[in-house]
Protein backbone atom coordinates (compact mmCIF):
# COMPACT_ATOMS: atom_id res chain seq x y z
CA UNK A 1 82.11 149.31 75.69
CA UNK A 2 85.09 150.42 73.62
CA UNK A 3 85.36 153.88 72.10
CA UNK A 4 87.27 154.18 68.87
CA UNK A 5 87.87 157.74 67.73
CA UNK A 6 90.66 160.22 67.15
CA UNK A 7 90.77 163.99 67.09
CA UNK A 8 91.80 165.64 63.83
CA UNK A 9 93.54 168.31 65.90
CA UNK A 10 95.19 167.88 69.25
CA UNK A 11 93.07 168.63 72.32
CA UNK A 12 93.85 168.27 76.00
CA UNK A 13 92.32 167.69 79.40
CA UNK A 14 94.26 169.14 82.35
CA UNK A 15 93.54 167.33 85.60
CA UNK A 16 93.85 168.55 89.14
CA UNK A 17 94.36 165.62 91.55
CA UNK A 18 93.57 166.39 95.21
CA UNK A 19 89.81 166.68 95.63
CA UNK A 20 89.35 165.91 91.94
CA UNK A 21 90.63 162.36 91.44
CA UNK A 22 91.20 161.40 95.09
CA UNK A 23 89.44 162.31 98.33
CA UNK A 24 92.45 163.91 100.01
CA UNK A 25 91.64 167.55 100.85
CA UNK A 26 90.69 166.91 104.48
CA UNK A 27 93.85 164.83 104.98
CA UNK A 28 96.04 167.60 103.60
CA UNK A 29 94.40 170.13 105.94
CA UNK A 30 94.95 167.91 108.99
CA UNK A 31 98.59 167.34 108.07
CA UNK A 32 99.17 171.10 107.84
CA UNK A 33 97.46 171.75 111.19
CA UNK A 34 99.58 169.08 112.90
CA UNK A 35 102.80 170.40 111.37
CA UNK A 36 102.02 173.94 112.53
CA UNK A 37 101.16 172.67 116.02
CA UNK A 38 104.49 170.83 116.28
CA UNK A 39 106.18 174.13 115.47
CA UNK A 40 104.20 175.87 118.22
CA UNK A 41 101.90 177.71 115.83
CA UNK A 42 98.16 177.33 116.31
CA UNK A 43 96.07 177.70 113.17
CA UNK A 44 92.34 177.18 112.64
CA UNK A 45 91.52 173.96 110.82
CA UNK A 46 88.74 175.61 108.79
CA UNK A 47 91.08 178.37 107.66
CA UNK A 48 93.60 175.79 106.51
CA UNK A 49 90.90 173.69 104.89
CA UNK A 50 89.71 176.63 102.82
CA UNK A 51 93.27 177.18 101.59
CA UNK A 52 93.74 173.61 100.32
CA UNK A 53 94.26 173.82 96.58
CA UNK A 54 96.94 176.48 96.95
CA UNK A 55 100.54 175.40 97.08
CA UNK A 56 102.59 175.80 100.24
CA UNK A 57 104.03 179.08 98.91
CA UNK A 58 100.54 180.57 99.20
CA UNK A 59 99.07 178.58 102.08
CA UNK A 60 101.80 179.12 104.70
CA UNK A 61 101.73 182.93 104.62
CA UNK A 62 97.94 182.92 104.23
CA UNK A 63 97.22 180.93 107.42
CA UNK A 64 100.30 181.71 109.56
CA UNK A 65 101.78 184.95 108.28
CA UNK A 66 105.22 183.50 107.59
CA UNK A 67 107.01 182.74 104.33
CA UNK A 68 107.44 179.15 103.19
CA UNK A 69 110.95 180.16 102.11
CA UNK A 70 111.93 181.15 105.67
CA UNK A 71 113.76 178.53 107.78
CA UNK A 72 110.67 178.06 109.95
CA UNK A 73 108.32 177.92 106.99
CA UNK A 74 110.53 175.39 105.20
CA UNK A 75 110.64 173.15 108.31
CA UNK A 76 106.86 173.26 108.67
CA UNK A 77 106.33 172.52 104.98
CA UNK A 78 108.77 169.61 105.07
CA UNK A 79 107.18 168.20 108.23
CA UNK A 80 103.73 168.53 106.70
CA UNK A 81 104.86 166.32 103.83
CA UNK A 82 106.22 163.69 106.23
CA UNK A 83 103.00 163.65 108.25
CA UNK A 84 100.82 163.40 105.15
CA UNK A 85 102.78 160.54 103.58
CA UNK A 86 103.12 158.49 106.77
CA UNK A 87 99.75 159.08 108.48
CA UNK A 88 97.28 159.87 105.74
CA UNK A 89 98.42 158.79 102.29
CA UNK A 90 97.88 155.04 102.86
CA UNK A 91 94.17 155.61 103.48
CA UNK A 92 93.53 157.96 100.53
CA UNK A 93 90.95 156.58 98.11
CA UNK A 94 89.91 157.61 94.59
CA UNK A 95 86.47 158.94 93.87
CA UNK A 96 84.14 156.52 92.03
CA UNK A 97 84.52 156.14 88.24
CA UNK A 98 87.81 158.06 88.09
CA UNK A 99 89.65 155.50 85.98
CA UNK A 100 86.70 155.04 83.61
CA UNK A 101 86.49 158.81 83.17
CA UNK A 102 90.19 159.19 82.35
CA UNK A 103 89.92 156.26 79.94
CA UNK A 104 87.02 158.02 78.24
CA UNK A 105 89.10 161.19 77.83
CA UNK A 106 91.84 159.15 76.19
CA UNK A 107 89.43 157.19 74.00
CA UNK A 108 88.06 160.49 72.71
CA UNK A 109 91.56 161.47 71.65
CA UNK A 110 92.45 163.92 74.42
CA UNK A 111 95.99 164.31 75.69
CA UNK A 112 95.66 163.99 79.48
CA UNK A 113 98.04 166.10 81.55
CA UNK A 114 98.06 166.55 85.33
CA UNK A 115 98.20 170.14 86.60
CA UNK A 116 98.56 169.89 90.38
CA UNK A 117 99.94 172.04 93.19
CA UNK A 118 101.21 168.90 94.93
CA UNK A 119 104.91 168.16 95.32
CA UNK A 120 106.43 165.76 92.78
CA UNK A 121 106.95 162.88 95.22
CA UNK A 122 103.42 163.15 96.61
CA UNK A 123 101.89 163.51 93.16
CA UNK A 124 103.25 160.19 91.94
CA UNK A 125 101.84 158.41 94.99
CA UNK A 126 98.46 160.13 94.63
CA UNK A 127 98.17 159.08 90.99
CA UNK A 128 98.86 155.51 92.05
CA UNK A 129 96.13 155.81 94.70
CA UNK A 130 93.79 157.11 91.99
CA UNK A 131 94.65 154.08 89.82
CA UNK A 132 95.43 156.27 86.80
CA UNK A 133 99.22 156.59 86.89
CA UNK A 134 99.54 154.40 83.80
CA UNK A 135 97.07 156.55 81.86
CA UNK A 136 98.72 159.95 82.35
CA UNK A 137 100.82 161.22 79.44
CA UNK A 138 102.48 164.13 81.26
CA UNK A 139 102.28 165.96 84.56
CA UNK A 140 103.17 169.25 86.16
CA UNK A 141 103.48 169.95 89.86
CA UNK A 142 104.50 172.74 92.20
CA UNK A 143 108.11 171.84 91.34
CA UNK A 144 107.50 173.01 87.75
CA UNK A 145 106.29 176.51 88.63
CA UNK A 146 107.50 179.51 90.58
CA UNK A 147 104.00 180.27 91.85
CA UNK A 148 101.21 177.86 92.71
CA UNK A 149 97.49 178.25 92.07
CA UNK A 150 95.62 180.55 91.81
CA UNK A 151 98.50 181.94 89.73
CA UNK A 152 98.42 180.29 86.31
CA UNK A 153 102.04 179.05 86.23
CA UNK A 154 101.22 175.36 86.72
CA UNK A 155 98.39 175.49 84.20
CA UNK A 156 100.61 177.26 81.67
CA UNK A 157 103.26 174.56 82.10
CA UNK A 158 100.63 171.84 81.58
CA UNK A 159 99.31 173.53 78.43
CA UNK A 160 102.84 173.63 77.08
CA UNK A 161 103.33 169.93 77.70
CA UNK A 162 100.00 169.03 76.11
CA UNK A 163 100.91 170.85 72.85
CA UNK A 164 97.21 171.59 72.40
CA UNK A 165 95.71 174.98 71.47
CA UNK A 166 94.00 176.79 74.34
CA UNK A 167 90.61 176.71 72.64
CA UNK A 168 90.80 172.90 72.66
CA UNK A 169 92.03 172.58 76.25
CA UNK A 170 89.72 172.04 79.23
CA UNK A 171 90.77 171.82 82.87
CA UNK A 172 89.01 169.74 85.51
CA UNK A 173 89.35 170.87 89.13
CA UNK A 174 87.62 171.24 92.48
CA UNK A 175 88.67 174.56 94.04
CA UNK A 176 88.25 178.27 93.28
CA UNK A 177 92.04 178.33 92.88
CA UNK A 178 91.78 175.87 89.97
CA UNK A 179 89.11 178.04 88.38
CA UNK A 180 91.14 181.24 88.78
CA UNK A 181 94.31 179.62 87.44
CA UNK A 182 92.51 178.19 84.40
CA UNK A 183 90.79 181.48 83.55
CA UNK A 184 94.05 183.42 83.94
CA UNK A 185 95.65 180.96 81.53
CA UNK A 186 92.84 181.52 79.03
CA UNK A 187 91.26 178.06 79.08
CA UNK A 188 87.86 176.67 80.07
CA UNK A 189 87.38 174.65 83.26
CA UNK A 190 84.74 172.23 84.51
CA UNK A 191 84.37 172.25 88.29
CA UNK A 192 83.67 169.62 90.92
CA UNK A 193 82.00 169.83 94.31
CA UNK A 194 83.79 166.67 95.51
CA UNK A 195 86.61 168.73 97.05
CA UNK A 196 84.26 170.41 99.51
CA UNK A 197 83.48 173.62 97.61
CA UNK A 198 79.97 174.60 96.57
CA UNK A 199 78.77 175.41 93.07
CA UNK A 200 78.69 179.14 93.82
CA UNK A 201 82.31 178.97 95.03
CA UNK A 202 83.31 177.72 91.59
CA UNK A 203 81.91 180.69 89.67
CA UNK A 204 83.65 180.94 86.31
CA UNK A 205 83.58 177.20 85.61
CA UNK A 206 81.60 176.41 82.46
CA UNK A 207 80.04 173.39 84.16
CA UNK A 208 79.99 172.04 87.72
CA UNK A 209 79.53 168.37 88.63
CA UNK A 210 79.01 166.67 91.97
CA UNK A 211 81.99 164.33 91.45
CA UNK A 212 83.81 162.43 88.68
CA UNK A 213 81.05 159.79 88.53
CA UNK A 214 78.50 162.53 87.84
CA UNK A 215 80.56 163.78 84.89
CA UNK A 216 81.06 160.21 83.64
CA UNK A 217 77.30 159.59 83.62
CA UNK A 218 76.60 162.86 81.81
CA UNK A 219 79.71 162.89 79.63
CA UNK A 220 77.88 163.04 76.29
CA UNK A 221 76.37 166.42 77.24
CA UNK A 222 79.59 167.81 78.74
CA UNK A 223 82.07 170.37 77.45
CA UNK A 224 84.53 167.51 76.90
CA UNK A 225 82.19 165.79 74.45
CA UNK A 226 81.48 169.11 72.72
CA UNK A 227 85.19 169.83 72.28
CA UNK A 228 85.71 166.33 70.90
CA UNK A 229 82.91 166.80 68.36
CA UNK A 230 84.18 170.23 67.33
CA UNK A 231 87.67 168.83 66.78
CA UNK A 232 86.39 166.02 64.56
CA UNK A 233 84.98 163.34 66.84
CA UNK A 234 81.27 162.48 66.60
CA UNK A 235 79.67 162.21 70.03
CA UNK A 236 78.92 158.77 71.36
CA UNK A 237 75.23 158.06 71.73
CA UNK A 238 74.03 155.49 74.31
CA UNK A 239 73.14 153.08 71.48
CA UNK A 240 76.42 153.33 69.61
CA UNK A 241 78.25 150.07 68.90
CA UNK A 242 81.94 149.57 68.38
CA UNK A 243 82.68 148.98 64.67
CA UNK A 244 84.83 145.97 65.47
CA UNK A 245 81.81 144.30 67.05
CA UNK A 246 79.65 145.20 64.03
CA UNK A 247 82.19 143.62 61.66
CA UNK A 248 82.35 140.45 63.76
CA UNK A 249 78.57 140.11 63.76
CA UNK A 250 78.43 140.72 60.01
CA UNK A 251 81.12 138.10 59.38
CA UNK A 252 79.23 135.58 61.51
CA UNK A 253 75.98 136.16 59.63
CA UNK A 254 77.73 135.84 56.26
CA UNK A 255 79.34 132.59 57.35
CA UNK A 256 76.03 131.15 58.46
CA UNK A 257 74.41 132.07 55.13
CA UNK A 258 77.29 130.47 53.20
CA UNK A 259 76.97 127.22 55.17
CA UNK A 260 73.22 127.13 54.55
CA UNK A 261 73.76 127.59 50.80
CA UNK A 262 76.34 124.78 50.72
CA UNK A 263 74.04 122.41 52.59
CA UNK A 264 71.23 123.25 50.17
CA UNK A 265 73.47 122.54 47.17
CA UNK A 266 74.61 119.18 48.59
CA UNK A 267 71.04 118.19 49.30
CA UNK A 268 70.07 118.98 45.71
CA UNK A 269 72.92 116.83 44.41
CA UNK A 270 71.73 113.83 46.42
CA UNK A 271 68.17 114.46 45.34
CA UNK A 272 69.13 114.56 41.65
CA UNK A 273 71.14 111.34 42.05
CA UNK A 274 68.21 109.58 43.67
CA UNK A 275 65.88 110.77 40.88
CA UNK A 276 68.18 109.31 38.24
CA UNK A 277 68.18 105.90 39.97
CA UNK A 278 64.44 105.70 40.46
CA UNK A 279 63.00 106.97 37.17
CA UNK A 280 59.61 105.34 36.72
CA UNK A 281 59.64 104.10 40.31
CA UNK A 282 58.55 105.58 43.61
CA UNK A 283 61.46 107.54 45.18
CA UNK A 284 63.10 105.51 47.94
CA UNK A 285 64.46 107.15 51.10
CA UNK A 286 68.20 107.52 51.58
CA UNK A 287 69.88 104.43 52.95
CA UNK A 288 72.18 104.40 56.01
CA UNK A 289 75.34 104.74 53.91
CA UNK A 290 74.01 107.75 51.98
CA UNK A 291 72.83 109.43 55.15
CA UNK A 292 76.30 109.01 56.70
CA UNK A 293 77.95 110.48 53.59
CA UNK A 294 75.61 113.47 53.78
CA UNK A 295 76.36 113.95 57.49
CA UNK A 296 80.13 113.95 56.83
CA UNK A 297 79.82 116.46 53.98
CA UNK A 298 77.75 118.78 56.14
CA UNK A 299 80.28 118.48 58.98
CA UNK A 300 83.15 119.40 56.69
CA UNK A 301 81.39 122.57 55.51
CA UNK A 302 80.41 123.74 59.01
């Protein structure tokens, strides 16, 4: 079904990517662990996994006690990127209904902007894996901010690119770091459990969904639908029909009625002619020639 609507005032959806659009959080954690091991640093997988959603500037000191800006930290971060892109990226898959959900945001008039802690080169590839690269109007990454999530820098940059007021901007993310960054930037956020975090971990989100498909199925009751209605878009009900389809049906019905009226008029003309020829006599049926003339006239009006 098509959705035809437009917001009177600009509104925006800010999208995280890893764990939100694509199932990549575990892969990122494994790539970090392997990069640290190659550098002779042993880190706990679970500790790294719980830090996914931060950028490298936060994750490296958090799990290993070294700065990402140090020579060793920079080598580990660079190697992590190589491992992720060569070993894990080709197998990354989007969550179900991701493209349909982003299309629904756009159809409801939202400006869709990516707000991710991923590096620029990885982000482009991840959006391709999510099958939404062609739908995204703008994007921000760790390269656009001095500090990654949970600091609000990336979210602030995305808000600026969306050109939407904060009260009409909603973020969509899967980690506590997304929630903290959104709240620090003064915008609402809807959370997802698809990245591996539980509902209670996402405290502060106005709504929490199991995954993008869950939001898609319940979209009409979501904060996104409410924002659209408040900004001038009536919510779509399950029985709503695209106006283009309504107009096509109406045109078809009108055409059928017109044809029926024309056939009726032609039939009356033949009837009147036959009456004139048989006054005082019993009316004779149409002959073969008259029936053929009537058939051709009907065909021309169909």
